[in-house]
Every structure is written in structure tokens, then in C-alpha cells.
Amino acid sequence: MNITPNYIVDQNGKPVSVILPYEEFKEMVEQYGLDLNKDEMKAIKRGTIVRKKGLKAVLKEYEKLED
């Protein structure tokens, strides 16, 4: 991703805001999942936990077969 920001500075030259081209902003939002609502984020977290637990269960069963 290539970002071309335009900085807005205060009277002392300190950056206070950034302006991004809309297409770059849209790409960043989609890439980092910033466009997801709370329910979607919960579902992703839940799925990640289930997947990890499921993987551990599968590995335990595999270890039993190895013995």
C-alpha cells in the first residue's frame, strides 16, 4: 500500500491532521478491517478462538494415535 499524506500543521509547524486521497483511505480501511461493525468483529474473534481450540483438540487426538 502506498500512502501519500498531506499534513496540516498548526502555527508552530506541529502536525495536527492528515489528509489522504480517498482511494488510499478506502484501501486502508478495508485492509485493516476498520469497516467492520461490532458484531462482525465479535464473530471474527469467536471464530479465531474456536479454530485455536479445535486445532488443539485435533493435535491431542493425533498424539493419542501416535502412542
C-alpha atoms as a PDB file:
ATOM      1  CA  MET A   1       0.000   0.000   0.000  1.00  0.00           C
ATOM      2  CA  ASN A   2       1.315   3.405  -0.950  1.00  0.00           C
ATOM      3  CA  ILE A   3       0.117   6.327   1.185  1.00  0.00           C
ATOM      4  CA  THR A   4       0.571   9.915   0.080  1.00  0.00           C
ATOM      5  CA  PRO A   5      -0.476  12.042   3.065  1.00  0.00           C
ATOM      6  CA  ASN A   6      -0.914  15.792   3.125  1.00  0.00           C
ATOM      7  CA  TYR A   7      -0.127  17.153   6.581  1.00  0.00           C
ATOM      8  CA  ILE A   8      -1.947  20.066   8.162  1.00  0.00           C
ATOM      9  CA  VAL A   9       0.160  21.885  10.731  1.00  0.00           C
ATOM     10  CA  ASP A  10      -0.602  24.462  13.404  1.00  0.00           C
ATOM     11  CA  GLN A  11       1.050  27.875  13.726  1.00  0.00           C
ATOM     12  CA  ASN A  12       4.118  26.260  15.303  1.00  0.00           C
ATOM     13  CA  GLY A  13       4.542  23.758  12.492  1.00  0.00           C
ATOM     14  CA  LYS A  14       3.282  20.844  14.610  1.00  0.00           C
ATOM     15  CA  PRO A  15       1.224  18.309  12.600  1.00  0.00           C
ATOM     16  CA  VAL A  16      -2.418  18.290  13.723  1.00  0.00           C
ATOM     17  CA  SER A  17      -4.214  16.474  10.886  1.00  0.00           C
ATOM     18  CA  VAL A  18      -3.582  14.385   7.804  1.00  0.00           C
ATOM     19  CA  ILE A  19      -5.474  14.338   4.524  1.00  0.00           C
ATOM     20  CA  LEU A  20      -5.331  11.153   2.446  1.00  0.00           C
ATOM     21  CA  PRO A  21      -6.571  10.589  -1.079  1.00  0.00           C
ATOM     22  CA  TYR A  22      -9.957   8.851  -0.795  1.00  0.00           C
ATOM     23  CA  GLU A  23      -8.941   5.693  -2.684  1.00  0.00           C
ATOM     24  CA  GLU A  24      -5.927   5.204  -0.415  1.00  0.00           C
ATOM     25  CA  PHE A  25      -8.100   5.768   2.649  1.00  0.00           C
ATOM     26  CA  LYS A  26     -10.665   3.243   1.395  1.00  0.00           C
ATOM     27  CA  GLU A  27      -7.950   0.653   0.764  1.00  0.00           C
ATOM     28  CA  MET A  28      -6.531   1.167   4.250  1.00  0.00           C
ATOM     29  CA  VAL A  29      -9.959   0.826   5.881  1.00  0.00           C
ATOM     30  CA  GLU A  30     -10.669  -2.403   4.023  1.00  0.00           C
ATOM     31  CA  GLN A  31      -7.181  -3.849   4.568  1.00  0.00           C
ATOM     32  CA  TYR A  32      -7.234  -3.303   8.338  1.00  0.00           C
ATOM     33  CA  GLY A  33     -10.903  -4.226   8.833  1.00  0.00           C
ATOM     34  CA  LEU A  34     -11.869  -0.770  10.029  1.00  0.00           C
ATOM     35  CA  ASP A  35     -15.124  -1.052   8.087  1.00  0.00           C
ATOM     36  CA  LEU A  36     -16.402  -3.969  10.204  1.00  0.00           C
ATOM     37  CA  ASN A  37     -19.145  -3.419  12.772  1.00  0.00           C
ATOM     38  CA  LYS A  38     -19.018  -4.713  16.364  1.00  0.00           C
ATOM     39  CA  ASP A  39     -20.963  -7.901  15.591  1.00  0.00           C
ATOM     40  CA  GLU A  40     -18.631  -8.773  12.725  1.00  0.00           C
ATOM     41  CA  MET A  41     -15.575  -8.174  14.920  1.00  0.00           C
ATOM     42  CA  LYS A  42     -17.048 -10.404  17.661  1.00  0.00           C
ATOM     43  CA  ALA A  43     -17.706 -13.154  15.115  1.00  0.00           C
ATOM     44  CA  ILE A  44     -14.113 -12.986  13.885  1.00  0.00           C
ATOM     45  CA  LYS A  45     -12.755 -13.173  17.447  1.00  0.00           C
ATOM     46  CA  ARG A  46     -15.086 -16.050  18.293  1.00  0.00           C
ATOM     47  CA  GLY A  47     -14.069 -17.912  15.147  1.00  0.00           C
ATOM     48  CA  THR A  48     -10.403 -17.423  15.940  1.00  0.00           C
ATOM     49  CA  ILE A  49     -10.865 -18.827  19.448  1.00  0.00           C
ATOM     50  CA  VAL A  50     -12.884 -21.799  18.191  1.00  0.00           C
ATOM     51  CA  ARG A  51     -10.315 -22.501  15.492  1.00  0.00           C
ATOM     52  CA  LYS A  52      -7.458 -22.441  18.001  1.00  0.00           C
ATOM     53  CA  LYS A  53      -9.318 -24.690  20.436  1.00  0.00           C
ATOM     54  CA  GLY A  54     -10.279 -27.014  17.615  1.00  0.00           C
ATOM     55  CA  LEU A  55      -6.699 -27.227  16.438  1.00  0.00           C
ATOM     56  CA  LYS A  56      -5.540 -28.129  19.934  1.00  0.00           C
ATOM     57  CA  ALA A  57      -8.196 -30.851  20.167  1.00  0.00           C
ATOM     58  CA  VAL A  58      -7.131 -32.290  16.822  1.00  0.00           C
ATOM     59  CA  LEU A  59      -3.474 -32.296  17.894  1.00  0.00           C
ATOM     60  CA  LYS A  60      -4.346 -34.087  21.143  1.00  0.00           C
ATOM     61  CA  GLU A  61      -6.231 -36.773  19.211  1.00  0.00           C
ATOM     62  CA  TYR A  62      -3.294 -37.138  16.831  1.00  0.00           C
ATOM     63  CA  GLU A  63      -0.899 -37.527  19.767  1.00  0.00           C
ATOM     64  CA  LYS A  64      -3.093 -40.331  21.146  1.00  0.00           C
ATOM     65  CA  LEU A  65      -2.816 -42.122  17.809  1.00  0.00           C
ATOM     66  CA  GLU A  66       0.967 -41.781  17.892  1.00  0.00           C
ATOM     67  CA  ASP A  67       1.225 -43.558  21.281  1.00  0.00           C
END
